[in-house]
Amino acid sequence: MKFNCLSLQPIYDAISAAHGNPQSPPQLPPRKSLSYQEYRRAYKHLIRGVNGDRAVYLWFAVRKNKEPEFIYVGQSNKNRGELRQRFDDEFRQWYHIFWMTAFKTKRYAQEVKYLYPGYDTEIENASLKHGATHLAFCTDIPPAVNIETLEKEVIALFDFPRGNDDEEGFMKPSRYSNEAKTIQAEFIRIIQNTT
């Protein structure tokens, strides 16, 4: 298994610069706007080297003088497309969470509901992912490993991050797979090296 990590700061810098580094939060732009296009270029550049189609990833936040925060665990497999496409989909569909983080306000969740009516539940769930500073991921998970089960194990090992559902029926820690324990340990090592 291979591990890597991306800092999301270039995306926040691009968003802020696209709005002229404003003193107060601007209105959330529609996808046809120039500021959205700058954001899109920034995230496309960030994920250009991401490869793999059987992966588990962790959105997390590290901030000065604060404990690291585990925000969301997800997975990518051949049924859902390769990892780069999965990231592209999340950045494109739920772009408001990056504006929420860049300008430190939750009001964009309401604005995106206005821009794209009919997706309130999906928008609220995606909004739980705001605040991430980094994205760690593990690729090349062996084909014999059930990726959906592995994802659930990693969610439980990270004590149900706020962007994931708190589900019952997870195995006790002594029964977690070696792959899940390895992913947890490596993600924690990555987090420690980013603080």
C-alpha atoms as a PDB file:
ATOM      1  CA  MET A   1       0.000   0.000   0.000  1.00  0.00           C
ATOM      2  CA  LYS A   2       1.194   3.514  -0.831  1.00  0.00           C
ATOM      3  CA  PHE A   3       0.547   6.649   1.223  1.00  0.00           C
ATOM      4  CA  ASN A   4       0.523  10.294   0.291  1.00  0.00           C
ATOM      5  CA  CYS A   5      -0.849  13.630   1.466  1.00  0.00           C
ATOM      6  CA  LEU A   6      -1.942  16.892  -0.151  1.00  0.00           C
ATOM      7  CA  SER A   7      -2.055  20.295   1.510  1.00  0.00           C
ATOM      8  CA  LEU A   8      -5.254  22.135   0.595  1.00  0.00           C
ATOM      9  CA  GLN A   9      -3.730  25.571   1.267  1.00  0.00           C
ATOM     10  CA  PRO A  10      -3.085  26.338  -2.439  1.00  0.00           C
ATOM     11  CA  ILE A  11      -6.832  26.019  -3.020  1.00  0.00           C
ATOM     12  CA  TYR A  12      -7.678  28.451  -0.222  1.00  0.00           C
ATOM     13  CA  ASP A  13      -5.026  30.857  -1.485  1.00  0.00           C
ATOM     14  CA  ALA A  14      -6.521  30.713  -5.001  1.00  0.00           C
ATOM     15  CA  ILE A  15     -10.047  31.364  -3.684  1.00  0.00           C
ATOM     16  CA  SER A  16      -8.933  34.338  -1.610  1.00  0.00           C
ATOM     17  CA  ALA A  17      -6.838  35.799  -4.441  1.00  0.00           C
ATOM     18  CA  ALA A  18      -9.689  35.351  -6.940  1.00  0.00           C
ATOM     19  CA  HIS A  19     -11.806  37.605  -4.731  1.00  0.00           C
ATOM     20  CA  GLY A  20      -9.008  40.158  -4.266  1.00  0.00           C
ATOM     21  CA  ASN A  21      -8.252  39.063  -0.670  1.00  0.00           C
ATOM     22  CA  PRO A  22     -11.432  40.722   0.696  1.00  0.00           C
ATOM     23  CA  GLN A  23     -11.866  41.938   4.279  1.00  0.00           C
ATOM     24  CA  SER A  24     -15.297  40.290   4.550  1.00  0.00           C
ATOM     25  CA  PRO A  25     -16.641  37.087   2.987  1.00  0.00           C
ATOM     26  CA  PRO A  26     -17.876  37.567  -0.594  1.00  0.00           C
ATOM     27  CA  GLN A  27     -21.002  36.012  -2.020  1.00  0.00           C
ATOM     28  CA  LEU A  28     -20.621  32.367  -3.069  1.00  0.00           C
ATOM     29  CA  PRO A  29     -19.951  32.428  -6.816  1.00  0.00           C
ATOM     30  CA  PRO A  30     -21.819  30.296  -9.350  1.00  0.00           C
ATOM     31  CA  ARG A  31     -19.782  27.749 -11.289  1.00  0.00           C
ATOM     32  CA  LYS A  32     -19.620  29.986 -14.374  1.00  0.00           C
ATOM     33  CA  SER A  33     -17.802  32.757 -12.491  1.00  0.00           C
ATOM     34  CA  LEU A  34     -14.133  33.676 -12.855  1.00  0.00           C
ATOM     35  CA  SER A  35     -13.464  33.024  -9.150  1.00  0.00           C
ATOM     36  CA  TYR A  36     -14.862  29.494  -9.463  1.00  0.00           C
ATOM     37  CA  GLN A  37     -12.696  28.927 -12.552  1.00  0.00           C
ATOM     38  CA  GLU A  38      -9.604  30.012 -10.580  1.00  0.00           C
ATOM     39  CA  TYR A  39     -10.580  27.570  -7.837  1.00  0.00           C
ATOM     40  CA  ARG A  40     -11.081  24.822 -10.428  1.00  0.00           C
ATOM     41  CA  ARG A  41      -7.628  25.428 -11.925  1.00  0.00           C
ATOM     42  CA  ALA A  42      -6.088  25.285  -8.440  1.00  0.00           C
ATOM     43  CA  TYR A  43      -7.677  21.986  -7.440  1.00  0.00           C
ATOM     44  CA  LYS A  44      -7.049  20.389 -10.847  1.00  0.00           C
ATOM     45  CA  HIS A  45      -3.372  21.322 -10.482  1.00  0.00           C
ATOM     46  CA  LEU A  46      -3.300  19.937  -6.931  1.00  0.00           C
ATOM     47  CA  ILE A  47      -4.708  16.500  -7.845  1.00  0.00           C
ATOM     48  CA  ARG A  48      -2.958  16.095 -11.210  1.00  0.00           C
ATOM     49  CA  GLY A  49      -0.452  13.550  -9.844  1.00  0.00           C
ATOM     50  CA  VAL A  50      -2.963  11.464  -7.869  1.00  0.00           C
ATOM     51  CA  ASN A  51      -3.226   7.895  -9.159  1.00  0.00           C
ATOM     52  CA  GLY A  52      -4.933   4.708  -8.036  1.00  0.00           C
ATOM     53  CA  ASP A  53      -8.388   3.196  -8.084  1.00  0.00           C
ATOM     54  CA  ARG A  54      -8.509   1.215  -4.817  1.00  0.00           C
ATOM     55  CA  ALA A  55      -7.963   3.754  -2.099  1.00  0.00           C
ATOM     56  CA  VAL A  56      -9.031   5.035   1.312  1.00  0.00           C
ATOM     57  CA  TYR A  57      -8.620   8.713   2.136  1.00  0.00           C
ATOM     58  CA  LEU A  58      -8.903  11.038   5.136  1.00  0.00           C
ATOM     59  CA  TRP A  59      -9.765  14.734   5.184  1.00  0.00           C
ATOM     60  CA  PHE A  60      -8.152  16.243   8.281  1.00  0.00           C
ATOM     61  CA  ALA A  61      -7.234  19.582   9.812  1.00  0.00           C
ATOM     62  CA  VAL A  62      -4.117  20.681  11.678  1.00  0.00           C
ATOM     63  CA  ARG A  63      -4.035  24.107  13.268  1.00  0.00           C
ATOM     64  CA  LYS A  64      -1.550  25.806  15.535  1.00  0.00           C
ATOM     65  CA  ASN A  65      -2.062  25.011  19.233  1.00  0.00           C
ATOM     66  CA  LYS A  66      -5.001  22.669  18.519  1.00  0.00           C
ATOM     67  CA  GLU A  67      -5.409  18.916  18.381  1.00  0.00           C
ATOM     68  CA  PRO A  68      -5.674  17.498  14.844  1.00  0.00           C
ATOM     69  CA  GLU A  69      -9.259  17.060  13.673  1.00  0.00           C
ATOM     70  CA  PHE A  70     -10.404  14.062  11.658  1.00  0.00           C
ATOM     71  CA  ILE A  71     -13.083  15.326   9.280  1.00  0.00           C
ATOM     72  CA  TYR A  72     -14.062  12.648   6.784  1.00  0.00           C
ATOM     73  CA  VAL A  73     -13.033   9.156   5.626  1.00  0.00           C
ATOM     74  CA  GLY A  74     -13.904   8.025   2.108  1.00  0.00           C
ATOM     75  CA  GLN A  75     -12.916   5.404  -0.432  1.00  0.00           C
ATOM     76  CA  SER A  76     -12.464   4.932  -4.142  1.00  0.00           C
ATOM     77  CA  ASN A  77     -12.650   1.713  -6.112  1.00  0.00           C
ATOM     78  CA  LYS A  78     -13.175   0.577  -9.695  1.00  0.00           C
ATOM     79  CA  ASN A  79     -16.938   0.833  -9.276  1.00  0.00           C
ATOM     80  CA  ARG A  80     -16.663   4.512  -8.326  1.00  0.00           C
ATOM     81  CA  GLY A  81     -13.838   5.536 -10.667  1.00  0.00           C
ATOM     82  CA  GLU A  82     -10.213   6.162  -9.952  1.00  0.00           C
ATOM     83  CA  LEU A  83      -9.133   8.252  -6.985  1.00  0.00           C
ATOM     84  CA  ARG A  84      -8.313  11.398  -8.974  1.00  0.00           C
ATOM     85  CA  GLN A  85     -11.835  11.349 -10.452  1.00  0.00           C
ATOM     86  CA  ARG A  86     -13.330  10.821  -6.998  1.00  0.00           C
ATOM     87  CA  PHE A  87     -11.448  13.874  -5.670  1.00  0.00           C
ATOM     88  CA  ASP A  88     -12.435  15.881  -8.750  1.00  0.00           C
ATOM     89  CA  ASP A  89     -16.096  15.015  -8.169  1.00  0.00           C
ATOM     90  CA  GLU A  90     -15.963  16.060  -4.513  1.00  0.00           C
ATOM     91  CA  PHE A  91     -14.149  19.340  -5.241  1.00  0.00           C
ATOM     92  CA  ARG A  92     -16.559  20.145  -8.083  1.00  0.00           C
ATOM     93  CA  GLN A  93     -19.846  19.131  -6.465  1.00  0.00           C
ATOM     94  CA  TRP A  94     -19.280  20.537  -2.997  1.00  0.00           C
ATOM     95  CA  TYR A  95     -17.123  23.574  -3.707  1.00  0.00           C
ATOM     96  CA  HIS A  96     -18.915  25.662  -1.072  1.00  0.00           C
ATOM     97  CA  ILE A  97     -17.032  23.847   1.710  1.00  0.00           C
ATOM     98  CA  PHE A  98     -13.792  25.380   0.440  1.00  0.00           C
ATOM     99  CA  TRP A  99     -15.323  28.870   0.537  1.00  0.00           C
ATOM    100  CA  MET A 100     -16.575  28.064   4.074  1.00  0.00           C
ATOM    101  CA  THR A 101     -12.993  27.272   5.088  1.00  0.00           C
ATOM    102  CA  ALA A 102     -11.253  30.049   3.146  1.00  0.00           C
ATOM    103  CA  PHE A 103     -13.493  32.750   4.639  1.00  0.00           C
ATOM    104  CA  LYS A 104     -14.272  31.047   7.985  1.00  0.00           C
ATOM    105  CA  THR A 105     -18.047  31.222   7.687  1.00  0.00           C
ATOM    106  CA  LYS A 106     -20.834  28.666   7.501  1.00  0.00           C
ATOM    107  CA  ARG A 107     -23.189  30.936   5.584  1.00  0.00           C
ATOM    108  CA  TYR A 108     -22.181  29.404   2.254  1.00  0.00           C
ATOM    109  CA  ALA A 109     -24.172  26.264   3.071  1.00  0.00           C
ATOM    110  CA  GLN A 110     -27.332  28.399   2.834  1.00  0.00           C
ATOM    111  CA  GLU A 111     -26.155  30.179  -0.302  1.00  0.00           C
ATOM    112  CA  VAL A 112     -25.439  26.942  -2.151  1.00  0.00           C
ATOM    113  CA  LYS A 113     -28.930  25.683  -1.255  1.00  0.00           C
ATOM    114  CA  TYR A 114     -30.297  28.784  -2.968  1.00  0.00           C
ATOM    115  CA  LEU A 115     -28.069  28.300  -6.034  1.00  0.00           C
ATOM    116  CA  TYR A 116     -28.855  24.584  -6.336  1.00  0.00           C
ATOM    117  CA  PRO A 117     -32.331  23.896  -4.865  1.00  0.00           C
ATOM    118  CA  GLY A 118     -33.458  20.348  -4.127  1.00  0.00           C
ATOM    119  CA  TYR A 119     -30.191  19.108  -2.623  1.00  0.00           C
ATOM    120  CA  ASP A 120     -30.554  20.331   0.962  1.00  0.00           C
ATOM    121  CA  THR A 121     -29.648  17.046   2.686  1.00  0.00           C
ATOM    122  CA  GLU A 122     -26.656  16.424   0.423  1.00  0.00           C
ATOM    123  CA  ILE A 123     -25.462  20.014   0.926  1.00  0.00           C
ATOM    124  CA  GLU A 124     -25.779  19.774   4.716  1.00  0.00           C
ATOM    125  CA  ASN A 125     -23.872  16.474   4.782  1.00  0.00           C
ATOM    126  CA  ALA A 126     -21.122  17.844   2.514  1.00  0.00           C
ATOM    127  CA  SER A 127     -20.886  20.982   4.665  1.00  0.00           C
ATOM    128  CA  LEU A 128     -19.659  18.829   7.553  1.00  0.00           C
ATOM    129  CA  LYS A 129     -16.393  18.443   5.615  1.00  0.00           C
ATOM    130  CA  HIS A 130     -15.471  22.135   5.863  1.00  0.00           C
ATOM    131  CA  GLY A 131     -12.293  23.084   7.669  1.00  0.00           C
ATOM    132  CA  ALA A 132      -9.961  20.479   6.180  1.00  0.00           C
ATOM    133  CA  THR A 133      -6.346  21.562   5.730  1.00  0.00           C
ATOM    134  CA  HIS A 134      -5.011  18.300   4.255  1.00  0.00           C
ATOM    135  CA  LEU A 135      -6.078  15.191   2.398  1.00  0.00           C
ATOM    136  CA  ALA A 136      -4.206  11.939   3.169  1.00  0.00           C
ATOM    137  CA  PHE A 137      -4.734   8.856   1.054  1.00  0.00           C
ATOM    138  CA  CYS A 138      -3.681   5.230   0.762  1.00  0.00           C
ATOM    139  CA  THR A 139      -3.650   3.596  -2.677  1.00  0.00           C
ATOM    140  CA  ASP A 140      -2.798   0.145  -4.032  1.00  0.00           C
ATOM    141  CA  ILE A 141      -5.018  -1.670  -1.528  1.00  0.00           C
ATOM    142  CA  PRO A 142      -4.813  -5.406  -2.317  1.00  0.00           C
ATOM    143  CA  PRO A 143      -7.653  -6.753  -4.517  1.00  0.00           C
ATOM    144  CA  ALA A 144      -8.558  -9.384  -1.897  1.00  0.00           C
ATOM    145  CA  VAL A 145      -9.480  -6.650   0.615  1.00  0.00           C
ATOM    146  CA  ASN A 146     -13.136  -5.592   0.670  1.00  0.00           C
ATOM    147  CA  ILE A 147     -12.793  -1.828   0.222  1.00  0.00           C
ATOM    148  CA  GLU A 148     -16.211  -0.968   1.692  1.00  0.00           C
ATOM    149  CA  THR A 149     -15.482  -2.947   4.862  1.00  0.00           C
ATOM    150  CA  LEU A 150     -12.024  -1.398   5.075  1.00  0.00           C
ATOM    151  CA  GLU A 151     -13.508   2.094   4.795  1.00  0.00           C
ATOM    152  CA  LYS A 152     -15.913   1.362   7.671  1.00  0.00           C
ATOM    153  CA  GLU A 153     -13.074   0.035   9.803  1.00  0.00           C
ATOM    154  CA  VAL A 154     -11.001   3.163   9.211  1.00  0.00           C
ATOM    155  CA  ILE A 155     -14.029   5.352  10.023  1.00  0.00           C
ATOM    156  CA  ALA A 156     -14.399   3.536  13.355  1.00  0.00           C
ATOM    157  CA  LEU A 157     -10.661   3.648  14.096  1.00  0.00           C
ATOM    158  CA  PHE A 158     -10.786   7.438  13.675  1.00  0.00           C
ATOM    159  CA  ASP A 159     -13.762   7.550  16.060  1.00  0.00           C
ATOM    160  CA  PHE A 160     -16.386   8.479  13.460  1.00  0.00           C
ATOM    161  CA  PRO A 161     -15.184  11.770  11.946  1.00  0.00           C
ATOM    162  CA  ARG A 162     -17.859  14.468  11.811  1.00  0.00           C
ATOM    163  CA  GLY A 163     -18.367  14.040   8.056  1.00  0.00           C
ATOM    164  CA  ASN A 164     -19.174  10.320   8.412  1.00  0.00           C
ATOM    165  CA  ASP A 165     -22.277   8.690   9.824  1.00  0.00           C
ATOM    166  CA  ASP A 166     -22.005   7.147  13.287  1.00  0.00           C
ATOM    167  CA  GLU A 167     -22.999   3.601  12.370  1.00  0.00           C
ATOM    168  CA  GLU A 168     -23.463   0.640  14.671  1.00  0.00           C
ATOM    169  CA  GLY A 169     -22.165  -2.857  14.113  1.00  0.00           C
ATOM    170  CA  PHE A 170     -18.474  -2.198  13.657  1.00  0.00           C
ATOM    171  CA  MET A 171     -15.999  -4.800  14.777  1.00  0.00           C
ATOM    172  CA  LYS A 172     -14.211  -4.340  18.071  1.00  0.00           C
ATOM    173  CA  PRO A 173     -10.662  -2.971  17.745  1.00  0.00           C
ATOM    174  CA  SER A 174      -9.091  -6.376  18.353  1.00  0.00           C
ATOM    175  CA  ARG A 175     -10.824  -7.626  15.213  1.00  0.00           C
ATOM    176  CA  TYR A 176      -9.832  -4.855  12.842  1.00  0.00           C
ATOM    177  CA  SER A 177      -7.922  -5.981   9.768  1.00  0.00           C
ATOM    178  CA  ASN A 178      -4.191  -5.445   9.537  1.00  0.00           C
ATOM    179  CA  GLU A 179      -4.816  -3.173   6.537  1.00  0.00           C
ATOM    180  CA  ALA A 180      -7.129  -0.907   8.571  1.00  0.00           C
ATOM    181  CA  LYS A 181      -4.661  -0.706  11.451  1.00  0.00           C
ATOM    182  CA  THR A 182      -1.807   0.039   9.021  1.00  0.00           C
ATOM    183  CA  ILE A 183      -3.820   2.809   7.338  1.00  0.00           C
ATOM    184  CA  GLN A 184      -4.691   4.365  10.699  1.00  0.00           C
ATOM    185  CA  ALA A 185      -1.068   4.261  11.854  1.00  0.00           C
ATOM    186  CA  GLU A 186       0.256   5.749   8.609  1.00  0.00           C
ATOM    187  CA  PHE A 187      -2.393   8.489   8.526  1.00  0.00           C
ATOM    188  CA  ILE A 188      -1.514   9.412  12.111  1.00  0.00           C
ATOM    189  CA  ARG A 189       2.187   9.507  11.178  1.00  0.00           C
ATOM    190  CA  ILE A 190       1.350  11.787   8.227  1.00  0.00           C
ATOM    191  CA  ILE A 191      -0.698  14.051  10.499  1.00  0.00           C
ATOM    192  CA  GLN A 192       2.114  14.251  13.050  1.00  0.00           C
ATOM    193  CA  ASN A 193       4.546  15.206  10.292  1.00  0.00           C
ATOM    194  CA  THR A 194       2.314  18.065   9.130  1.00  0.00           C
ATOM    195  CA  THR A 195       2.018  19.739  12.552  1.00  0.00           C
END
